[in-house]
PDB file of N, CA and C in Angstrom:
ATOM      1  N   UNK A   1      -9.656 -51.458-134.106  1.00  0.00           N
ATOM      2  CA  UNK A   1     -10.072 -52.023-135.368  1.00  0.00           C
ATOM      3  C   UNK A   1     -10.991 -51.062-136.117  1.00  0.00           C
ATOM      4  N   UNK A   2     -12.015 -50.548-135.444  1.00  0.00           N
ATOM      5  CA  UNK A   2     -12.951 -49.634-136.089  1.00  0.00           C
ATOM      6  C   UNK A   2     -12.849 -48.242-135.480  1.00  0.00           C
ATOM      7  N   UNK A   3     -11.651 -47.809-135.157  1.00  0.00           N
ATOM      8  CA  UNK A   3     -11.439 -46.549-134.442  1.00  0.00           C
ATOM      9  C   UNK A   3     -11.865 -45.328-135.235  1.00  0.00           C
ATOM     10  N   UNK A   4     -11.815 -45.385-136.543  1.00  0.00           N
ATOM     11  CA  UNK A   4     -12.168 -44.230-137.365  1.00  0.00           C
ATOM     12  C   UNK A   4     -13.641 -44.213-137.760  1.00  0.00           C
ATOM     13  N   UNK A   5     -14.411 -45.149-137.240  1.00  0.00           N
ATOM     14  CA  UNK A   5     -15.825 -45.238-137.554  1.00  0.00           C
ATOM     15  C   UNK A   5     -16.593 -44.181-136.763  1.00  0.00           C
ATOM     16  N   UNK A   6     -17.320 -43.325-137.450  1.00  0.00           N
ATOM     17  CA  UNK A   6     -18.112 -42.274-136.820  1.00  0.00           C
ATOM     18  C   UNK A   6     -19.586 -42.686-136.896  1.00  0.00           C
ATOM     19  N   UNK A   7     -20.144 -43.088-135.762  1.00  0.00           N
ATOM     20  CA  UNK A   7     -21.514 -43.583-135.743  1.00  0.00           C
ATOM     21  C   UNK A   7     -22.465 -42.567-135.123  1.00  0.00           C
ATOM     22  N   UNK A   8     -23.666 -42.498-135.665  1.00  0.00           N
ATOM     23  CA  UNK A   8     -24.737 -41.718-135.062  1.00  0.00           C
ATOM     24  C   UNK A   8     -25.682 -42.627-134.287  1.00  0.00           C
ATOM     25  N   UNK A   9     -25.724 -43.900-134.673  1.00  0.00           N
ATOM     26  CA  UNK A   9     -26.560 -44.910-134.022  1.00  0.00           C
ATOM     27  C   UNK A   9     -25.732 -46.175-133.854  1.00  0.00           C
ATOM     28  N   UNK A  10     -26.149 -47.076-132.973  1.00  0.00           N
ATOM     29  CA  UNK A  10     -25.412 -48.336-132.836  1.00  0.00           C
ATOM     30  C   UNK A  10     -25.450 -49.133-134.139  1.00  0.00           C
ATOM     31  N   UNK A  11     -24.435 -49.948-134.333  1.00  0.00           N
ATOM     32  CA  UNK A  11     -24.379 -50.841-135.485  1.00  0.00           C
ATOM     33  C   UNK A  11     -24.058 -52.244-134.966  1.00  0.00           C
ATOM     34  N   UNK A  12     -24.633 -53.263-135.592  1.00  0.00           N
ATOM     35  CA  UNK A  12     -24.391 -54.639-135.171  1.00  0.00           C
ATOM     36  C   UNK A  12     -23.903 -55.455-136.354  1.00  0.00           C
ATOM     37  N   UNK A  13     -22.924 -56.301-136.075  1.00  0.00           N
ATOM     38  CA  UNK A  13     -22.403 -57.244-137.055  1.00  0.00           C
ATOM     39  C   UNK A  13     -22.791 -58.636-136.579  1.00  0.00           C
ATOM     40  N   UNK A  14     -23.376 -59.424-137.456  1.00  0.00           N
ATOM     41  CA  UNK A  14     -23.859 -60.757-137.100  1.00  0.00           C
ATOM     42  C   UNK A  14     -23.091 -61.794-137.898  1.00  0.00           C
ATOM     43  N   UNK A  15     -22.644 -62.848-137.203  1.00  0.00           N
ATOM     44  CA  UNK A  15     -21.936 -63.952-137.844  1.00  0.00           C
ATOM     45  C   UNK A  15     -22.637 -65.248-137.465  1.00  0.00           C
ATOM     46  N   UNK A  16     -22.959 -66.061-138.450  1.00  0.00           N
ATOM     47  CA  UNK A  16     -23.629 -67.332-138.218  1.00  0.00           C
ATOM     48  C   UNK A  16     -22.755 -68.456-138.767  1.00  0.00           C
ATOM     49  N   UNK A  17     -22.493 -69.442-137.926  1.00  0.00           N
ATOM     50  CA  UNK A  17     -21.782 -70.645-138.368  1.00  0.00           C
ATOM     51  C   UNK A  17     -22.816 -71.761-138.481  1.00  0.00           C
ATOM     52  N   UNK A  18     -22.715 -72.550-139.550  1.00  0.00           N
ATOM     53  CA  UNK A  18     -23.731 -73.563-139.828  1.00  0.00           C
ATOM     54  C   UNK A  18     -23.096 -74.902-140.187  1.00  0.00           C
ATOM     55  N   UNK A  19     -23.968 -75.884-140.434  1.00  0.00           N
ATOM     56  CA  UNK A  19     -23.495 -77.206-140.838  1.00  0.00           C
ATOM     57  C   UNK A  19     -23.200 -77.270-142.332  1.00  0.00           C
ATOM     58  N   UNK A  20     -23.507 -76.215-143.060  1.00  0.00           N
ATOM     59  CA  UNK A  20     -23.264 -76.182-144.504  1.00  0.00           C
ATOM     60  C   UNK A  20     -23.766 -74.892-145.101  1.00  0.00           C
ATOM     61  N   UNK A  21     -23.923 -74.889-146.428  1.00  0.00           N
ATOM     62  CA  UNK A  21     -24.294 -73.659-147.118  1.00  0.00           C
ATOM     63  C   UNK A  21     -25.726 -73.637-147.652  1.00  0.00           C
ATOM     64  N   UNK A  22     -26.488 -74.691-147.433  1.00  0.00           N
ATOM     65  CA  UNK A  22     -27.854 -74.745-147.937  1.00  0.00           C
ATOM     66  C   UNK A  22     -28.814 -74.219-146.871  1.00  0.00           C
ATOM     67  N   UNK A  23     -29.448 -73.067-147.103  1.00  0.00           N
ATOM     68  CA  UNK A  23     -30.332 -72.487-146.083  1.00  0.00           C
ATOM     69  C   UNK A  23     -31.597 -73.306-145.824  1.00  0.00           C
ATOM     70  N   UNK A  24     -31.939 -74.218-146.724  1.00  0.00           N
ATOM     71  CA  UNK A  24     -33.145 -75.027-146.568  1.00  0.00           C
ATOM     72  C   UNK A  24     -32.911 -76.284-145.750  1.00  0.00           C
ATOM     73  N   UNK A  25     -31.666 -76.760-145.692  1.00  0.00           N
ATOM     74  CA  UNK A  25     -31.440 -78.026-144.991  1.00  0.00           C
ATOM     75  C   UNK A  25     -30.360 -77.962-143.913  1.00  0.00           C
ATOM     76  N   UNK A  26     -29.479 -76.993-143.969  1.00  0.00           N
ATOM     77  CA  UNK A  26     -28.399 -76.928-142.983  1.00  0.00           C
ATOM     78  C   UNK A  26     -28.843 -76.174-141.743  1.00  0.00           C
ATOM     79  N   UNK A  27     -28.136 -76.411-140.651  1.00  0.00           N
ATOM     80  CA  UNK A  27     -28.547 -75.899-139.346  1.00  0.00           C
ATOM     81  C   UNK A  27     -27.500 -74.974-138.737  1.00  0.00           C
ATOM     82  N   UNK A  28     -27.942 -74.101-137.868  1.00  0.00           N
ATOM     83  CA  UNK A  28     -27.068 -73.178-137.146  1.00  0.00           C
ATOM     84  C   UNK A  28     -26.314 -73.936-136.053  1.00  0.00           C
ATOM     85  N   UNK A  29     -25.004 -73.648-135.905  1.00  0.00           N
ATOM     86  CA  UNK A  29     -24.223 -74.196-134.792  1.00  0.00           C
ATOM     87  C   UNK A  29     -23.673 -73.087-133.897  1.00  0.00           C
ATOM     88  N   UNK A  30     -23.583 -71.848-134.421  1.00  0.00           N
ATOM     89  CA  UNK A  30     -23.117 -70.734-133.606  1.00  0.00           C
ATOM     90  C   UNK A  30     -23.660 -69.429-134.171  1.00  0.00           C
ATOM     91  N   UNK A  31     -24.065 -68.546-133.249  1.00  0.00           N
ATOM     92  CA  UNK A  31     -24.547 -67.223-133.620  1.00  0.00           C
ATOM     93  C   UNK A  31     -23.774 -66.212-132.786  1.00  0.00           C
ATOM     94  N   UNK A  32     -23.121 -65.260-133.446  1.00  0.00           N
ATOM     95  CA  UNK A  32     -22.320 -64.244-132.753  1.00  0.00           C
ATOM     96  C   UNK A  32     -22.751 -62.858-133.206  1.00  0.00           C
ATOM     97  N   UNK A  33     -22.778 -61.929-132.240  1.00  0.00           N
ATOM     98  CA  UNK A  33     -23.168 -60.549-132.543  1.00  0.00           C
ATOM     99  C   UNK A  33     -22.175 -59.597-131.878  1.00  0.00           C
ATOM    100  N   UNK A  34     -21.666 -58.665-132.667  1.00  0.00           N
ATOM    101  CA  UNK A  34     -20.824 -57.580-132.160  1.00  0.00           C
ATOM    102  C   UNK A  34     -21.604 -56.296-132.378  1.00  0.00           C
ATOM    103  N   UNK A  35     -21.936 -55.614-131.270  1.00  0.00           N
ATOM    104  CA  UNK A  35     -22.662 -54.349-131.345  1.00  0.00           C
ATOM    105  C   UNK A  35     -21.726 -53.237-130.907  1.00  0.00           C
ATOM    106  N   UNK A  36     -21.644 -52.193-131.725  1.00  0.00           N
ATOM    107  CA  UNK A  36     -20.784 -51.052-131.435  1.00  0.00           C
ATOM    108  C   UNK A  36     -21.654 -49.823-131.251  1.00  0.00           C
ATOM    109  N   UNK A  37     -21.479 -49.165-130.109  1.00  0.00           N
ATOM    110  CA  UNK A  37     -22.222 -47.951-129.788  1.00  0.00           C
ATOM    111  C   UNK A  37     -21.518 -46.733-130.396  1.00  0.00           C
ATOM    112  N   UNK A  38     -22.228 -45.629-130.576  1.00  0.00           N
ATOM    113  CA  UNK A  38     -21.596 -44.419-131.111  1.00  0.00           C
ATOM    114  C   UNK A  38     -20.393 -43.945-130.295  1.00  0.00           C
ATOM    115  N   UNK A  39     -20.379 -44.235-128.986  1.00  0.00           N
ATOM    116  CA  UNK A  39     -19.240 -43.816-128.156  1.00  0.00           C
ATOM    117  C   UNK A  39     -18.066 -44.789-128.235  1.00  0.00           C
ATOM    118  N   UNK A  40     -18.196 -45.842-129.069  1.00  0.00           N
ATOM    119  CA  UNK A  40     -17.116 -46.803-129.258  1.00  0.00           C
ATOM    120  C   UNK A  40     -17.210 -48.036-128.379  1.00  0.00           C
ATOM    121  N   UNK A  41     -18.117 -48.045-127.420  1.00  0.00           N
ATOM    122  CA  UNK A  41     -18.283 -49.209-126.550  1.00  0.00           C
ATOM    123  C   UNK A  41     -18.736 -50.398-127.387  1.00  0.00           C
ATOM    124  N   UNK A  42     -18.103 -51.555-127.143  1.00  0.00           N
ATOM    125  CA  UNK A  42     -18.427 -52.770-127.882  1.00  0.00           C
ATOM    126  C   UNK A  42     -19.063 -53.798-126.965  1.00  0.00           C
ATOM    127  N   UNK A  43     -20.107 -54.452-127.471  1.00  0.00           N
ATOM    128  CA  UNK A  43     -20.756 -55.554-126.776  1.00  0.00           C
ATOM    129  C   UNK A  43     -20.674 -56.771-127.693  1.00  0.00           C
ATOM    130  N   UNK A  44     -20.138 -57.881-127.173  1.00  0.00           N
ATOM    131  CA  UNK A  44     -19.994 -59.090-127.978  1.00  0.00           C
ATOM    132  C   UNK A  44     -20.684 -60.246-127.282  1.00  0.00           C
ATOM    133  N   UNK A  45     -21.501 -60.971-128.026  1.00  0.00           N
ATOM    134  CA  UNK A  45     -22.148 -62.172-127.508  1.00  0.00           C
ATOM    135  C   UNK A  45     -22.030 -63.263-128.560  1.00  0.00           C
ATOM    136  N   UNK A  46     -21.796 -64.475-128.083  1.00  0.00           N
ATOM    137  CA  UNK A  46     -21.694 -65.615-128.982  1.00  0.00           C
ATOM    138  C   UNK A  46     -22.309 -66.828-128.298  1.00  0.00           C
ATOM    139  N   UNK A  47     -23.134 -67.555-129.023  1.00  0.00           N
ATOM    140  CA  UNK A  47     -23.803 -68.733-128.472  1.00  0.00           C
ATOM    141  C   UNK A  47     -23.694 -69.882-129.461  1.00  0.00           C
ATOM    142  N   UNK A  48     -23.253 -71.015-128.948  1.00  0.00           N
ATOM    143  CA  UNK A  48     -23.256 -72.241-129.746  1.00  0.00           C
ATOM    144  C   UNK A  48     -24.497 -73.039-129.389  1.00  0.00           C
ATOM    145  N   UNK A  49     -25.006 -73.761-130.380  1.00  0.00           N
ATOM    146  CA  UNK A  49     -26.180 -74.600-130.179  1.00  0.00           C
ATOM    147  C   UNK A  49     -25.954 -75.958-130.842  1.00  0.00           C
ATOM    148  N   UNK A  50     -26.695 -76.941-130.383  1.00  0.00           N
ATOM    149  CA  UNK A  50     -26.626 -78.274-130.970  1.00  0.00           C
ATOM    150  C   UNK A  50     -27.532 -78.284-132.199  1.00  0.00           C
ATOM    151  N   UNK A  51     -26.984 -78.554-133.386  1.00  0.00           N
ATOM    152  CA  UNK A  51     -27.806 -78.513-134.591  1.00  0.00           C
ATOM    153  C   UNK A  51     -28.745 -79.709-134.729  1.00  0.00           C
ATOM    154  N   UNK A  52     -28.550 -80.752-133.923  1.00  0.00           N
ATOM    155  CA  UNK A  52     -29.408 -81.932-134.012  1.00  0.00           C
ATOM    156  C   UNK A  52     -29.055 -82.863-135.149  1.00  0.00           C
ATOM    157  N   UNK A  53     -28.031 -82.514-135.900  1.00  0.00           N
ATOM    158  CA  UNK A  53     -27.522 -83.353-136.991  1.00  0.00           C
ATOM    159  C   UNK A  53     -26.000 -83.322-136.911  1.00  0.00           C
ATOM    160  N   UNK A  54     -25.327 -84.318-137.470  1.00  0.00           N
ATOM    161  CA  UNK A  54     -23.862 -84.288-137.459  1.00  0.00           C
ATOM    162  C   UNK A  54     -23.317 -83.084-138.236  1.00  0.00           C
ATOM    163  N   UNK A  55     -22.233 -82.522-137.724  1.00  0.00           N
ATOM    164  CA  UNK A  55     -21.557 -81.429-138.419  1.00  0.00           C
ATOM    165  C   UNK A  55     -20.571 -82.061-139.394  1.00  0.00           C
ATOM    166  N   UNK A  56     -20.727 -81.829-140.694  1.00  0.00           N
ATOM    167  CA  UNK A  56     -19.825 -82.431-141.667  1.00  0.00           C
ATOM    168  C   UNK A  56     -18.376 -81.951-141.478  1.00  0.00           C
ATOM    169  N   UNK A  57     -17.409 -82.820-141.783  1.00  0.00           N
ATOM    170  CA  UNK A  57     -16.001 -82.422-141.668  1.00  0.00           C
ATOM    171  C   UNK A  57     -15.671 -81.170-142.478  1.00  0.00           C
ATOM    172  N   UNK A  58     -16.348 -80.976-143.616  1.00  0.00           N
ATOM    173  CA  UNK A  58     -16.096 -79.803-144.454  1.00  0.00           C
ATOM    174  C   UNK A  58     -16.493 -78.515-143.724  1.00  0.00           C
ATOM    175  N   UNK A  59     -17.581 -78.570-142.957  1.00  0.00           N
ATOM    176  CA  UNK A  59     -18.006 -77.393-142.190  1.00  0.00           C
ATOM    177  C   UNK A  59     -17.058 -77.151-141.018  1.00  0.00           C
ATOM    178  N   UNK A  60     -16.669 -78.225-140.335  1.00  0.00           N
ATOM    179  CA  UNK A  60     -15.719 -78.104-139.226  1.00  0.00           C
ATOM    180  C   UNK A  60     -14.408 -77.500-139.714  1.00  0.00           C
ATOM    181  N   UNK A  61     -13.998 -77.842-140.929  1.00  0.00           N
ATOM    182  CA  UNK A  61     -12.752 -77.298-141.489  1.00  0.00           C
ATOM    183  C   UNK A  61     -12.833 -75.786-141.656  1.00  0.00           C
ATOM    184  N   UNK A  62     -14.044 -75.248-141.839  1.00  0.00           N
ATOM    185  CA  UNK A  62     -14.221 -73.803-142.006  1.00  0.00           C
ATOM    186  C   UNK A  62     -14.292 -73.099-140.661  1.00  0.00           C
ATOM    187  N   UNK A  63     -15.165 -73.574-139.762  1.00  0.00           N
ATOM    188  CA  UNK A  63     -15.393 -72.842-138.499  1.00  0.00           C
ATOM    189  C   UNK A  63     -14.764 -73.479-137.268  1.00  0.00           C
ATOM    190  N   UNK A  64     -14.290 -74.701-137.381  1.00  0.00           N
ATOM    191  CA  UNK A  64     -13.595 -75.347-136.265  1.00  0.00           C
ATOM    192  C   UNK A  64     -14.497 -75.916-135.187  1.00  0.00           C
ATOM    193  N   UNK A  65     -15.813 -75.927-135.397  1.00  0.00           N
ATOM    194  CA  UNK A  65     -16.746 -76.445-134.400  1.00  0.00           C
ATOM    195  C   UNK A  65     -17.048 -77.905-134.721  1.00  0.00           C
ATOM    196  N   UNK A  66     -16.900 -78.758-133.706  1.00  0.00           N
ATOM    197  CA  UNK A  66     -17.107 -80.195-133.901  1.00  0.00           C
ATOM    198  C   UNK A  66     -18.390 -80.651-133.211  1.00  0.00           C
ATOM    199  N   UNK A  67     -18.801 -81.877-133.517  1.00  0.00           N
ATOM    200  CA  UNK A  67     -19.964 -82.465-132.857  1.00  0.00           C
ATOM    201  C   UNK A  67     -19.766 -82.486-131.342  1.00  0.00           C
ATOM    202  N   UNK A  68     -18.546 -82.812-130.901  1.00  0.00           N
ATOM    203  CA  UNK A  68     -18.256 -82.863-129.464  1.00  0.00           C
ATOM    204  C   UNK A  68     -18.410 -81.492-128.808  1.00  0.00           C
ATOM    205  N   UNK A  69     -18.121 -80.421-129.528  1.00  0.00           N
ATOM    206  CA  UNK A  69     -18.237 -79.065-128.985  1.00  0.00           C
ATOM    207  C   UNK A  69     -19.675 -78.689-128.651  1.00  0.00           C
ATOM    208  N   UNK A  70     -20.635 -79.264-129.366  1.00  0.00           N
ATOM    209  CA  UNK A  70     -22.039 -78.884-129.190  1.00  0.00           C
ATOM    210  C   UNK A  70     -22.916 -80.012-128.659  1.00  0.00           C
ATOM    211  N   UNK A  71     -22.323 -81.146-128.362  1.00  0.00           N
ATOM    212  CA  UNK A  71     -23.083 -82.341-127.973  1.00  0.00           C
ATOM    213  C   UNK A  71     -24.016 -82.111-126.785  1.00  0.00           C
ATOM    214  N   UNK A  72     -23.598 -81.364-125.796  1.00  0.00           N
ATOM    215  CA  UNK A  72     -24.397 -81.174-124.586  1.00  0.00           C
ATOM    216  C   UNK A  72     -25.107 -79.823-124.526  1.00  0.00           C
ATOM    217  N   UNK A  73     -25.174 -79.139-125.650  1.00  0.00           N
ATOM    218  CA  UNK A  73     -25.817 -77.821-125.697  1.00  0.00           C
ATOM    219  C   UNK A  73     -27.269 -77.944-126.144  1.00  0.00           C
ATOM    220  N   UNK A  74     -28.103 -76.952-125.804  1.00  0.00           N
ATOM    221  CA  UNK A  74     -29.495 -76.988-126.254  1.00  0.00           C
ATOM    222  C   UNK A  74     -29.589 -76.754-127.763  1.00  0.00           C
ATOM    223  N   UNK A  75     -30.714 -77.169-128.321  1.00  0.00           N
ATOM    224  CA  UNK A  75     -30.985 -76.916-129.738  1.00  0.00           C
ATOM    225  C   UNK A  75     -31.274 -75.432-129.943  1.00  0.00           C
ATOM    226  N   UNK A  76     -31.132 -74.942-131.158  1.00  0.00           N
ATOM    227  CA  UNK A  76     -31.375 -73.528-131.485  1.00  0.00           C
ATOM    228  C   UNK A  76     -32.782 -73.122-131.059  1.00  0.00           C
ATOM    229  N   UNK A  77     -33.785 -73.943-131.347  1.00  0.00           N
ATOM    230  CA  UNK A  77     -35.179 -73.596-131.028  1.00  0.00           C
ATOM    231  C   UNK A  77     -35.411 -73.471-129.522  1.00  0.00           C
ATOM    232  N   UNK A  78     -34.587 -74.138-128.697  1.00  0.00           N
ATOM    233  CA  UNK A  78     -34.700 -74.009-127.249  1.00  0.00           C
ATOM    234  C   UNK A  78     -34.017 -72.742-126.757  1.00  0.00           C
ATOM    235  N   UNK A  79     -33.055 -72.256-127.498  1.00  0.00           N
ATOM    236  CA  UNK A  79     -32.260 -71.104-127.094  1.00  0.00           C
ATOM    237  C   UNK A  79     -32.981 -69.798-127.393  1.00  0.00           C
ATOM    238  N   UNK A  80     -33.673 -69.742-128.537  1.00  0.00           N
ATOM    239  CA  UNK A  80     -34.298 -68.469-128.936  1.00  0.00           C
ATOM    240  C   UNK A  80     -35.656 -68.265-128.349  1.00  0.00           C
TER     241      UNK A  80
END
């Protein structure tokens, strides 16, 4: 995918899935990080968390994460 990328330092791509688009009221449900080293080695980590509020159907339609997917997971504040 990024085979032609010439890096001098590592680069990280961060993806956050949330319950909506309002940064003041919506909550994180998934945080993913892809880190690529200059030698091409890739490290990927992804963590889902319970947002503590229902995930609206409109958000689930975008990221596919449901209330049932996160029901038994810790809250974001417990994870970080």
